[in-house]
Amino acid sequence: MAQKEAKTSEEVKPSAEPAMVIASTAAPAPSWFTPKRLLAIFCVINLLNYVDRGAIASNGVNGSLGTCTESGVCTSGTGIQGDFNLSNFEDGVLSSAFMVGLLLASPIFASLAKSVSPFRLIGVGLSVWTFATIGCGFSFNFWSITLCRMLVGVGEASFISLAAPFIDDNAPAPQVGSHSNWRYAFWGEAILMLPFAILGFVMKPLQLKGFFHPESTKALTAVETAVSEVQGSDNLNGKDGSFSIKEDLRDSTIQKSSKLKVGTKIMNQISRFMKDMKVLLVDKVYVVNVLGYIAYNFVIGAYSYWGPKAGYNIYHMNDADLIFGGITIVCGILGTLAGGFVLDYISSTISNAFKLLSAVTLLGGACCFGAFCFKNMYAFLALFAVGELLVFATQGPVNYICLHCVKPSMRPLSMAISTVSIHLFGDVPSAPLVGVLQDSINNWRVTALILTSIFIPAAGIWFIGIFLHSVDRFNEESENQITTTERSNTTPLLKGKKTETTESASEP
């Protein structure tokens, strides 16, 4: 009888391990990242991204081909265009090359976020960005810098797709000119970005709402395997019963992992991606939000590329790129902050976000349109600054809708597809189309007015969103989350089976 009790005690003890595994499935709390530190880091990274874009945009405005006079006196070209003797078409391709990499990589990073730590993915992306910008500084012809610009877009895609959900989870409730060699801009960016790329690998990763912590994923698999092993213990005979549950659990896990093929993983990823895409495309709130964002970004993208040149031709501005860049930076920061504060003040709901989007876009578009009607440069700058301040107030509300109209596990893909759409159908085609329009009418003021009028349909599309039935899904449990209920339901199952095993072992 004492031997039976000892045997029973030995068999019960290993089966307690799965219960301990369950207790460890909760992701450890990060020890260093606070909401303020996270926001500061992401702001600096985003600033570097825009400095990089400014390096290309500024050289597009200031760069020129070498010229020779009839007397034989020649002057060398300036900027990237002059160094590589680029045509205007090739010069424009450099801007689009970045977008190609961004558009291709954004959905990939978003999809991988379901199986790989999103924080580590950001580290990978920023590493690609860092080495690509170094490559831009060492580029020797058109194709080399074009390839490097594509890789810069790939690197930025990780940050664009995955940073916003981190900020949303952790936020508290309630120019580069032609004055220096263009290569130094890229090298400087790489040096400044490198520490943040390293940070993505060495710091303890944060966990996104709706996603597993890597340790949690392994733990859950162990729990599921343990349950199946304990359930099968009733069929063990006396000899087999002498093996411990710990040994069975290890052997079963090894067998299952050895049978898992790479092809199956890929097919599962594709199937999951297509399923998630279908969910996004049938969501009226999401689609309306992105359509309005596309029209809005069509104007903003053309402003960033053609604005300085239009300002120089209409108002004969000196340093037009510096003036437009300064207005964009100041109004962009203040407008984005103001949009977020106003949305919080009127209550953060999807319906209120649509109201704010339609209102500020219509008013801001009217101010920008009126500004181009003035002949005085100072009157133009004053009214245009007010318009820019208003239109940039859209950034908070538009991202709020993208993040809150979908389940937590869908947020990276939601941001990625939004980013791909606004570039693919917005600022990528707007620059060449505006160029075609200007070639046709040869009047920069009229071209600018026609472009600015597109703010009206953008406001109209967002206005429709006010009347759509919307549900805030931010706090919905994802199918990938380990809920407290699931843990509590699994533990009794293990305990129950453990009791049955004990009783079976006690029988003579």
Protein backbone atom coordinates (compact mmCIF):
# COMPACT_ATOMS: atom_id res chain seq x y z
CA MET A 1 0.00 0.00 0.00
CA ALA A 2 2.87 2.39 0.81
CA GLN A 3 4.45 1.54 -2.55
CA LYS A 4 1.22 2.41 -4.34
CA GLU A 5 1.04 5.75 -2.55
CA ALA A 6 4.65 6.52 -3.42
CA LYS A 7 4.04 5.61 -7.08
CA THR A 8 0.92 7.74 -7.14
CA SER A 9 2.82 10.66 -5.62
CA GLU A 10 5.57 10.33 -8.24
CA GLU A 11 3.08 10.36 -11.12
CA VAL A 12 1.10 13.29 -9.76
CA LYS A 13 4.16 15.49 -9.29
CA PRO A 14 5.22 15.75 -13.00
CA SER A 15 1.68 16.53 -14.08
CA ALA A 16 1.83 19.73 -12.07
CA GLU A 17 4.30 21.15 -14.58
CA PRO A 18 1.69 22.18 -17.21
CA ALA A 19 -0.12 24.17 -14.55
CA MET A 20 3.14 25.98 -13.86
CA VAL A 21 3.56 26.58 -17.61
CA ILE A 22 0.15 28.20 -17.73
CA ALA A 23 1.11 30.59 -14.98
CA SER A 24 4.14 31.65 -17.04
CA THR A 25 2.20 32.47 -20.20
CA ALA A 26 1.72 36.07 -19.12
CA ALA A 27 4.27 38.26 -20.94
CA PRO A 28 6.86 39.82 -18.62
CA ALA A 29 6.42 43.54 -18.15
CA PRO A 30 9.13 45.63 -19.88
CA SER A 31 11.46 47.18 -17.35
CA TRP A 32 12.66 50.26 -19.22
CA PHE A 33 10.04 51.45 -21.73
CA THR A 34 7.59 53.98 -20.38
CA PRO A 35 4.93 55.73 -22.53
CA LYS A 36 6.99 58.94 -22.60
CA ARG A 37 10.23 57.19 -23.53
CA LEU A 38 8.49 55.16 -26.22
CA LEU A 39 6.86 58.26 -27.70
CA ALA A 40 10.15 60.19 -27.63
CA ILE A 41 12.01 57.36 -29.39
CA PHE A 42 9.34 56.96 -32.07
CA CYS A 43 9.22 60.75 -32.62
CA VAL A 44 12.99 60.86 -33.22
CA ILE A 45 12.79 57.87 -35.58
CA ASN A 46 9.91 59.49 -37.48
CA LEU A 47 11.85 62.75 -37.65
CA LEU A 48 14.81 60.92 -39.21
CA ASN A 49 12.47 59.32 -41.74
CA TYR A 50 11.26 62.74 -42.82
CA VAL A 51 14.79 64.18 -42.87
CA ASP A 52 15.60 61.39 -45.31
CA ARG A 53 12.63 62.27 -47.50
CA GLY A 54 13.63 65.93 -47.28
CA ALA A 55 17.13 65.09 -48.47
CA ILE A 56 15.69 63.73 -51.70
CA ALA A 57 12.99 66.40 -52.08
CA SER A 58 15.42 69.27 -51.47
CA ASN A 59 17.90 67.94 -54.00
CA GLY A 60 15.03 67.60 -56.45
CA VAL A 61 14.35 71.32 -56.15
CA ASN A 62 17.94 72.56 -55.90
CA GLY A 63 19.67 70.03 -58.14
CA SER A 64 20.41 70.98 -61.72
CA LEU A 65 22.29 69.73 -64.77
CA GLY A 66 25.56 71.23 -65.90
CA THR A 67 25.28 73.93 -68.58
CA CYS A 68 27.58 75.43 -71.20
CA THR A 69 27.32 78.85 -72.83
CA GLU A 70 27.90 79.57 -76.52
CA SER A 71 31.30 81.02 -75.63
CA GLY A 72 32.33 77.66 -74.24
CA VAL A 73 32.11 78.49 -70.54
CA CYS A 74 30.62 75.55 -68.64
CA THR A 75 29.27 75.23 -65.13
CA SER A 76 29.00 71.93 -63.32
CA GLY A 77 25.66 70.56 -62.20
CA THR A 78 24.51 70.53 -58.59
CA GLY A 79 22.97 67.97 -56.30
CA ILE A 80 22.15 64.40 -57.20
CA GLN A 81 20.88 65.41 -60.63
CA GLY A 82 24.13 67.18 -61.48
CA ASP A 83 26.46 64.51 -60.07
CA PHE A 84 24.80 61.68 -61.99
CA ASN A 85 23.65 63.77 -64.98
CA LEU A 86 20.01 62.72 -64.52
CA SER A 87 17.10 63.71 -66.70
CA ASN A 88 14.02 65.14 -65.02
CA PHE A 89 12.30 61.77 -65.42
CA GLU A 90 15.18 59.92 -63.72
CA ASP A 91 15.24 62.57 -61.00
CA GLY A 92 11.56 61.91 -60.35
CA VAL A 93 12.09 58.14 -60.25
CA LEU A 94 14.27 58.53 -57.15
CA SER A 95 11.25 59.76 -55.23
CA SER A 96 9.04 56.91 -56.46
CA ALA A 97 11.71 54.24 -55.81
CA PHE A 98 11.39 54.82 -52.09
CA MET A 99 7.63 54.26 -52.33
CA VAL A 100 8.07 50.98 -54.24
CA GLY A 101 10.01 49.48 -51.35
CA LEU A 102 7.58 50.91 -48.82
CA LEU A 103 4.48 49.59 -50.59
CA LEU A 104 5.88 46.10 -51.13
CA ALA A 105 7.21 45.63 -47.61
CA SER A 106 4.44 47.15 -45.48
CA PRO A 107 1.95 44.23 -45.82
CA ILE A 108 4.76 41.73 -45.31
CA PHE A 109 5.86 43.24 -42.01
CA ALA A 110 2.24 43.52 -40.88
CA SER A 111 1.58 39.86 -41.69
CA LEU A 112 4.78 38.65 -40.00
CA ALA A 113 3.78 40.51 -36.82
CA LYS A 114 1.41 37.64 -36.01
CA SER A 115 4.22 35.10 -35.72
CA VAL A 116 7.32 37.22 -34.97
CA SER A 117 7.79 39.81 -32.23
CA PRO A 118 6.69 43.17 -33.74
CA PHE A 119 9.35 44.96 -31.71
CA ARG A 120 12.06 42.78 -33.24
CA LEU A 121 10.61 43.41 -36.72
CA ILE A 122 11.02 47.14 -36.16
CA GLY A 123 14.66 46.46 -35.25
CA VAL A 124 15.15 44.52 -38.49
CA GLY A 125 13.52 47.26 -40.55
CA LEU A 126 15.56 50.05 -38.97
CA SER A 127 18.74 48.04 -39.60
CA VAL A 128 17.84 47.76 -43.30
CA TRP A 129 17.09 51.52 -43.31
CA THR A 130 20.46 52.33 -41.72
CA PHE A 131 22.56 50.31 -44.18
CA ALA A 132 20.46 51.53 -47.14
CA THR A 133 21.05 55.20 -46.28
CA ILE A 134 24.77 54.49 -45.97
CA GLY A 135 24.52 52.96 -49.45
CA CYS A 136 22.83 56.11 -50.74
CA GLY A 137 25.81 58.14 -49.54
CA PHE A 138 28.23 55.82 -51.39
CA SER A 139 26.10 55.47 -54.57
CA PHE A 140 27.98 55.92 -57.84
CA ASN A 141 25.25 56.06 -60.52
CA PHE A 142 21.50 56.25 -61.07
CA TRP A 143 20.77 52.55 -60.57
CA SER A 144 22.80 52.19 -57.38
CA ILE A 145 21.04 55.06 -55.64
CA THR A 146 17.66 53.87 -56.97
CA LEU A 147 18.19 50.42 -55.43
CA CYS A 148 19.28 51.95 -52.13
CA ARG A 149 16.22 54.21 -52.09
CA MET A 150 13.99 51.15 -52.54
CA LEU A 151 15.67 49.49 -49.55
CA VAL A 152 15.16 52.64 -47.48
CA GLY A 153 11.46 52.25 -48.20
CA VAL A 154 11.59 48.61 -47.09
CA GLY A 155 13.18 49.64 -43.81
CA GLU A 156 10.69 52.41 -43.11
CA ALA A 157 7.80 50.04 -43.82
CA SER A 158 8.42 48.17 -40.56
CA PHE A 159 8.18 51.36 -38.53
CA ILE A 160 5.10 52.71 -40.32
CA SER A 161 3.21 49.42 -40.00
CA LEU A 162 4.04 48.59 -36.40
CA ALA A 163 4.85 51.79 -34.48
CA ALA A 164 1.32 53.21 -34.36
CA PRO A 165 -0.18 50.21 -32.49
CA PHE A 166 2.61 50.43 -29.91
CA ILE A 167 1.87 54.13 -29.35
CA ASP A 168 -1.85 53.44 -29.18
CA ASP A 169 -1.29 50.70 -26.59
CA ASN A 170 1.08 52.69 -24.39
CA ALA A 171 -0.16 56.28 -24.71
CA PRO A 172 -1.69 57.61 -21.48
CA ALA A 173 -5.45 57.84 -21.66
CA PRO A 174 -7.40 61.10 -21.35
CA GLN A 175 15.02 70.14 -44.39
CA VAL A 176 18.05 69.37 -45.77
CA GLY A 177 19.18 72.09 -48.23
CA SER A 178 21.87 72.40 -50.88
CA HIS A 179 24.34 74.18 -48.61
CA SER A 180 26.38 71.00 -48.06
CA ASN A 181 27.20 67.91 -50.08
CA TRP A 182 24.11 65.72 -50.45
CA ARG A 183 26.00 62.55 -49.49
CA TYR A 184 26.57 63.82 -45.94
CA ALA A 185 22.82 63.96 -45.34
CA PHE A 186 22.46 60.19 -45.89
CA TRP A 187 25.53 59.31 -43.78
CA GLY A 188 24.33 61.56 -40.97
CA GLU A 189 20.88 59.92 -41.02
CA ALA A 190 22.44 56.45 -40.79
CA ILE A 191 24.61 57.40 -37.80
CA LEU A 192 21.60 58.84 -35.96
CA MET A 193 19.33 55.87 -36.75
CA LEU A 194 21.80 53.10 -35.87
CA PRO A 195 21.29 53.27 -32.07
CA PHE A 196 17.53 52.87 -32.52
CA ALA A 197 18.01 49.85 -34.79
CA ILE A 198 20.22 48.24 -32.12
CA LEU A 199 17.66 49.13 -29.45
CA GLY A 200 15.08 47.02 -31.29
CA PHE A 201 17.22 43.91 -30.67
CA VAL A 202 18.82 44.38 -27.27
CA MET A 203 15.91 45.75 -25.21
CA LYS A 204 13.19 43.53 -23.80
CA PRO A 205 10.39 43.67 -26.41
CA LEU A 206 7.02 45.21 -25.78
CA GLN A 207 3.89 43.15 -26.40
CA LEU A 208 1.13 44.36 -28.71
CA LYS A 209 -2.51 43.98 -27.74
CA GLY A 210 -3.93 41.02 -29.67
CA PHE A 211 -0.57 39.29 -30.17
CA PHE A 212 1.36 36.62 -28.33
CA HIS A 213 4.55 37.37 -26.52
CA PRO A 214 7.06 34.87 -28.03
CA GLU A 215 7.40 33.10 -24.67
CA SER A 216 3.63 32.91 -24.35
CA THR A 217 3.34 31.17 -27.71
CA LYS A 218 5.74 28.44 -26.67
CA ALA A 219 4.02 28.08 -23.33
CA LEU A 220 0.55 27.70 -24.86
CA THR A 221 1.80 25.01 -27.24
CA ALA A 222 3.24 23.14 -24.27
CA VAL A 223 -0.07 23.43 -22.43
CA GLU A 224 -2.09 22.10 -25.36
CA THR A 225 0.31 19.19 -25.76
CA ALA A 226 0.16 18.47 -22.04
CA VAL A 227 -3.65 18.30 -22.12
CA SER A 228 -3.65 15.80 -24.98
CA GLU A 229 -1.00 13.68 -23.26
CA VAL A 230 -2.91 13.58 -19.98
CA GLN A 231 -6.14 12.71 -21.79
CA GLY A 232 -4.44 9.72 -23.37
CA SER A 233 -3.16 8.45 -20.05
CA ASP A 234 -6.36 6.44 -19.42
CA ASN A 235 -5.33 3.98 -22.13
CA LEU A 236 -1.90 3.29 -20.71
CA ASN A 237 -1.22 -0.22 -19.38
CA GLY A 238 0.88 -0.97 -16.36
CA LYS A 239 4.17 -0.90 -18.22
CA ASP A 240 3.52 2.29 -20.15
CA GLY A 241 2.21 3.98 -17.06
CA SER A 242 5.71 3.91 -15.61
CA PHE A 243 6.80 6.66 -18.01
CA SER A 244 6.45 10.14 -16.59
CA ILE A 245 4.21 12.77 -18.17
CA LYS A 246 7.25 14.99 -18.52
CA GLU A 247 8.98 12.47 -20.81
CA ASP A 248 5.81 11.94 -22.87
CA LEU A 249 5.35 15.69 -23.22
CA ARG A 250 8.90 16.17 -24.49
CA ASP A 251 8.72 13.29 -26.97
CA SER A 252 5.36 14.40 -28.32
CA THR A 253 6.54 17.97 -28.79
CA ILE A 254 9.64 16.83 -30.69
CA GLN A 255 7.57 14.59 -32.98
CA LYS A 256 5.06 17.29 -33.79
CA SER A 257 7.69 19.96 -34.49
CA SER A 258 9.61 17.56 -36.78
CA LYS A 259 6.49 17.04 -38.90
CA LEU A 260 5.84 20.74 -39.37
CA LYS A 261 6.99 21.68 -42.89
CA VAL A 262 8.04 25.07 -44.21
CA GLY A 263 5.49 24.85 -47.02
CA THR A 264 2.67 24.45 -44.54
CA LYS A 265 3.80 27.51 -42.64
CA ILE A 266 3.90 29.58 -45.83
CA MET A 267 0.45 28.42 -46.90
CA ASN A 268 -0.92 29.20 -43.46
CA GLN A 269 0.56 32.70 -43.62
CA ILE A 270 -0.95 33.31 -47.07
CA SER A 271 -4.32 31.94 -46.00
CA ARG A 272 -4.33 34.10 -42.89
CA PHE A 273 -3.32 37.17 -44.91
CA MET A 274 -6.10 36.66 -47.47
CA LYS A 275 -8.64 36.15 -44.70
CA ASP A 276 -7.55 39.34 -42.95
CA MET A 277 -7.62 41.30 -46.22
CA LYS A 278 -11.20 40.19 -46.83
CA VAL A 279 -12.16 41.45 -43.37
CA LEU A 280 -10.64 44.88 -44.13
CA LEU A 281 -12.17 45.23 -47.59
CA VAL A 282 -15.73 44.53 -46.42
CA ASP A 283 -15.42 46.95 -43.49
CA LYS A 284 -17.25 50.08 -44.72
CA VAL A 285 -15.80 52.29 -42.00
CA TYR A 286 -12.24 51.29 -42.86
CA VAL A 287 -12.76 51.63 -46.63
CA VAL A 288 -14.36 55.09 -46.37
CA ASN A 289 -11.59 56.27 -44.06
CA VAL A 290 -8.86 55.10 -46.46
CA LEU A 291 -10.61 56.55 -49.56
CA GLY A 292 -10.78 59.96 -47.92
CA TYR A 293 -7.15 59.61 -46.87
CA ILE A 294 -6.12 58.81 -50.47
CA ALA A 295 -7.75 62.01 -51.81
CA TYR A 296 -6.19 64.02 -48.98
CA ASN A 297 -2.72 62.55 -49.56
CA PHE A 298 -2.98 63.22 -53.30
CA VAL A 299 -2.87 66.93 -52.50
CA ILE A 300 -0.33 66.75 -49.67
CA GLY A 301 2.05 64.64 -51.77
CA ALA A 302 1.94 67.07 -54.69
CA TYR A 303 2.41 70.01 -52.29
CA SER A 304 5.60 68.47 -50.90
CA TYR A 305 7.13 67.93 -54.35
CA TRP A 306 5.82 70.85 -56.41
CA GLY A 307 5.04 73.41 -53.68
CA PRO A 308 8.49 75.07 -53.55
CA LYS A 309 8.69 75.32 -57.34
CA ALA A 310 5.16 76.75 -57.53
CA GLY A 311 6.00 79.26 -54.80
CA TYR A 312 9.15 80.34 -56.60
CA ASN A 313 7.33 80.82 -59.93
CA ILE A 314 4.23 82.55 -58.51
CA TYR A 315 5.75 84.72 -55.78
CA HIS A 316 9.46 84.72 -56.79
CA MET A 317 10.47 83.39 -53.36
CA ASN A 318 14.10 83.08 -52.44
CA ASP A 319 14.81 79.75 -50.69
CA ALA A 320 11.31 78.52 -51.51
CA ASP A 321 12.19 75.01 -50.31
CA LEU A 322 13.25 76.33 -46.90
CA ILE A 323 10.09 78.43 -46.54
CA PHE A 324 7.72 75.63 -47.53
CA GLY A 325 9.68 73.13 -45.47
CA GLY A 326 9.55 75.39 -42.40
CA ILE A 327 5.79 75.91 -42.73
CA THR A 328 5.24 72.19 -43.17
CA ILE A 329 7.33 71.24 -40.12
CA VAL A 330 5.81 73.80 -37.75
CA CYS A 331 2.22 73.37 -38.93
CA GLY A 332 2.64 69.61 -39.15
CA ILE A 333 3.72 69.31 -35.51
CA LEU A 334 1.21 71.81 -34.12
CA GLY A 335 -1.64 70.58 -36.33
CA THR A 336 -1.08 66.92 -35.47
CA LEU A 337 -0.99 67.67 -31.73
CA ALA A 338 -4.06 69.90 -31.98
CA GLY A 339 -6.02 67.23 -33.86
CA GLY A 340 -5.31 64.68 -31.14
CA PHE A 341 -6.23 67.07 -28.32
CA VAL A 342 -9.48 68.10 -29.99
CA LEU A 343 -10.49 64.49 -30.58
CA ASP A 344 -9.88 63.73 -26.90
CA TYR A 345 -11.85 66.82 -25.88
CA ILE A 346 -14.96 65.98 -27.92
CA SER A 347 -14.72 62.30 -26.87
CA SER A 348 -12.70 59.81 -28.84
CA THR A 349 -15.20 57.90 -30.96
CA ILE A 350 -15.09 56.82 -34.60
CA SER A 351 -18.06 59.04 -35.45
CA ASN A 352 -16.45 62.10 -33.84
CA ALA A 353 -13.19 61.33 -35.65
CA PHE A 354 -15.04 61.44 -38.99
CA LYS A 355 -16.67 64.76 -38.00
CA LEU A 356 -13.30 66.27 -37.16
CA LEU A 357 -11.74 64.94 -40.38
CA SER A 358 -14.41 66.38 -42.65
CA ALA A 359 -14.48 69.75 -40.86
CA VAL A 360 -10.74 70.49 -40.71
CA THR A 361 -10.14 69.22 -44.25
CA LEU A 362 -12.87 71.46 -45.69
CA LEU A 363 -11.78 74.55 -43.71
CA GLY A 364 -8.08 73.91 -44.29
CA GLY A 365 -8.63 73.33 -48.00
CA ALA A 366 -10.59 76.60 -48.25
CA CYS A 367 -7.73 78.50 -46.58
CA CYS A 368 -5.11 76.98 -48.89
CA PHE A 369 -7.28 77.71 -51.94
CA GLY A 370 -7.77 81.32 -50.82
CA ALA A 371 -4.03 81.68 -50.19
CA PHE A 372 -3.15 80.91 -53.81
CA CYS A 373 -5.61 83.60 -54.90
CA PHE A 374 -3.56 86.35 -53.21
CA LYS A 375 -0.91 88.17 -55.20
CA ASN A 376 0.97 89.35 -52.12
CA MET A 377 3.48 86.80 -50.90
CA TYR A 378 3.08 87.58 -47.20
CA ALA A 379 -0.72 87.29 -47.37
CA PHE A 380 -0.26 83.96 -49.16
CA LEU A 381 2.13 82.63 -46.52
CA ALA A 382 -0.12 83.65 -43.62
CA LEU A 383 -3.29 82.06 -44.99
CA PHE A 384 -1.47 79.03 -46.35
CA ALA A 385 0.05 78.40 -42.90
CA VAL A 386 -3.44 78.45 -41.34
CA GLY A 387 -4.65 76.01 -43.99
CA GLU A 388 -1.71 73.67 -43.41
CA LEU A 389 -2.31 73.80 -39.66
CA LEU A 390 -5.90 72.69 -40.18
CA VAL A 391 -5.26 69.94 -42.73
CA PHE A 392 -2.52 68.40 -40.61
CA ALA A 393 -5.00 68.07 -37.74
CA THR A 394 -6.28 65.01 -39.61
CA GLN A 395 -3.36 62.80 -38.61
CA GLY A 396 -4.65 61.83 -35.19
CA PRO A 397 -8.28 61.14 -36.16
CA VAL A 398 -7.49 59.22 -39.35
CA ASN A 399 -5.10 56.88 -37.53
CA TYR A 400 -7.55 56.55 -34.64
CA ILE A 401 -10.14 55.14 -37.05
CA CYS A 402 -7.62 52.75 -38.65
CA LEU A 403 -6.68 51.38 -35.24
CA HIS A 404 -10.09 51.25 -33.59
CA CYS A 405 -12.36 49.94 -36.35
CA VAL A 406 -10.52 46.59 -36.42
CA LYS A 407 -9.62 43.94 -33.85
CA PRO A 408 -6.29 44.35 -32.03
CA SER A 409 -4.59 41.60 -34.05
CA MET A 410 -5.57 43.38 -37.29
CA ARG A 411 -4.06 46.76 -36.43
CA PRO A 412 -0.62 46.30 -38.07
CA LEU A 413 -2.24 45.12 -41.31
CA SER A 414 -4.79 47.94 -41.09
CA MET A 415 -2.01 50.52 -40.87
CA ALA A 416 0.05 48.79 -43.58
CA ILE A 417 -2.77 48.62 -46.13
CA SER A 418 -3.73 52.21 -45.35
CA THR A 419 -0.13 53.29 -45.95
CA VAL A 420 0.13 51.30 -49.19
CA SER A 421 -3.17 52.72 -50.47
CA ILE A 422 -2.52 56.40 -49.76
CA HIS A 423 0.85 56.21 -51.49
CA LEU A 424 -0.09 53.92 -54.38
CA PHE A 425 -3.20 55.93 -55.28
CA GLY A 426 -2.28 59.24 -53.64
CA ASP A 427 1.12 60.93 -53.60
CA VAL A 428 2.90 58.55 -56.03
CA PRO A 429 0.69 59.41 -59.05
CA SER A 430 -0.07 63.00 -57.96
CA ALA A 431 3.42 64.42 -58.66
CA PRO A 432 3.60 63.28 -62.32
CA LEU A 433 -0.09 64.11 -62.93
CA VAL A 434 0.37 67.64 -61.63
CA GLY A 435 3.44 67.89 -63.85
CA VAL A 436 1.35 66.88 -66.87
CA LEU A 437 -1.28 69.47 -65.92
CA GLN A 438 1.33 72.22 -65.60
CA ASP A 439 2.87 71.30 -68.97
CA SER A 440 -0.60 71.61 -70.47
CA ILE A 441 -1.73 74.96 -69.03
CA ASN A 442 1.66 76.49 -68.16
CA ASN A 443 0.25 78.45 -65.21
CA TRP A 444 1.43 77.52 -61.72
CA ARG A 445 -1.31 79.47 -59.93
CA VAL A 446 -4.12 77.72 -61.81
CA THR A 447 -2.39 74.36 -61.36
CA ALA A 448 -2.14 74.95 -57.60
CA LEU A 449 -5.81 75.96 -57.37
CA ILE A 450 -6.99 72.88 -59.27
CA LEU A 451 -4.84 70.65 -57.04
CA THR A 452 -6.08 72.28 -53.82
CA SER A 453 -9.73 71.83 -54.82
CA ILE A 454 -9.29 68.06 -54.36
CA PHE A 455 -9.51 68.69 -50.61
CA ILE A 456 -13.28 69.10 -51.14
CA PRO A 457 -13.99 65.48 -52.24
CA ALA A 458 -11.69 64.27 -49.45
CA ALA A 459 -13.82 66.13 -46.90
CA GLY A 460 -16.99 64.80 -48.57
CA ILE A 461 -15.85 61.18 -48.35
CA TRP A 462 -15.02 61.53 -44.66
CA PHE A 463 -18.38 63.25 -44.10
CA ILE A 464 -20.10 60.05 -45.30
CA GLY A 465 -18.31 58.14 -42.56
CA ILE A 466 -20.26 60.05 -39.90
CA PHE A 467 -23.43 58.20 -40.86
CA LEU A 468 -21.95 54.69 -41.02
CA HIS A 469 -22.59 52.23 -38.22
CA SER A 470 -19.29 51.93 -36.40
CA VAL A 471 -18.06 49.73 -33.57
CA ASP A 472 -14.92 50.44 -31.58
CA ARG A 473 -13.13 47.06 -31.56
CA PHE A 474 -10.01 48.21 -29.73
CA ASN A 475 -10.75 46.16 -26.61
CA GLU A 476 -12.19 43.10 -28.36
CA GLU A 477 -10.44 39.86 -27.55
CA SER A 478 -8.44 38.55 -30.49
CA GLU A 479 -8.54 34.95 -31.58
CA ASN A 480 -4.78 34.92 -30.87
CA GLN A 481 -4.99 36.14 -27.29
CA ILE A 482 -4.68 33.96 -24.22
CA THR A 483 -7.55 35.10 -22.09
CA THR A 484 -7.88 34.68 -18.38
CA THR A 485 -10.98 32.55 -18.92
CA GLU A 486 -9.11 30.18 -21.23
CA ARG A 487 -6.37 29.77 -18.65
CA SER A 488 -8.84 29.09 -15.87
CA ASN A 489 -10.70 26.58 -18.05
CA THR A 490 -7.52 24.75 -19.02
CA THR A 491 -6.18 24.41 -15.49
CA PRO A 492 -9.18 22.44 -14.12
CA LEU A 493 -8.99 20.15 -17.15
CA LEU A 494 -5.41 19.29 -16.31
CA LYS A 495 -6.27 18.87 -12.66
CA GLY A 496 -9.23 16.63 -13.52
CA LYS A 497 -7.19 14.39 -15.75
CA LYS A 498 -4.44 14.33 -13.17
CA THR A 499 -6.92 12.96 -10.64
CA GLU A 500 -8.09 10.29 -13.10
CA THR A 501 -4.50 9.24 -13.72
CA THR A 502 -3.90 8.97 -10.00
CA GLU A 503 -6.95 6.79 -9.53
CA SER A 504 -5.93 4.55 -12.43
CA ALA A 505 -2.44 4.15 -11.03
CA SER A 506 -3.88 3.25 -7.62
CA GLU A 507 -5.80 0.28 -8.98
CA PRO A 508 -4.14 -3.11 -8.38
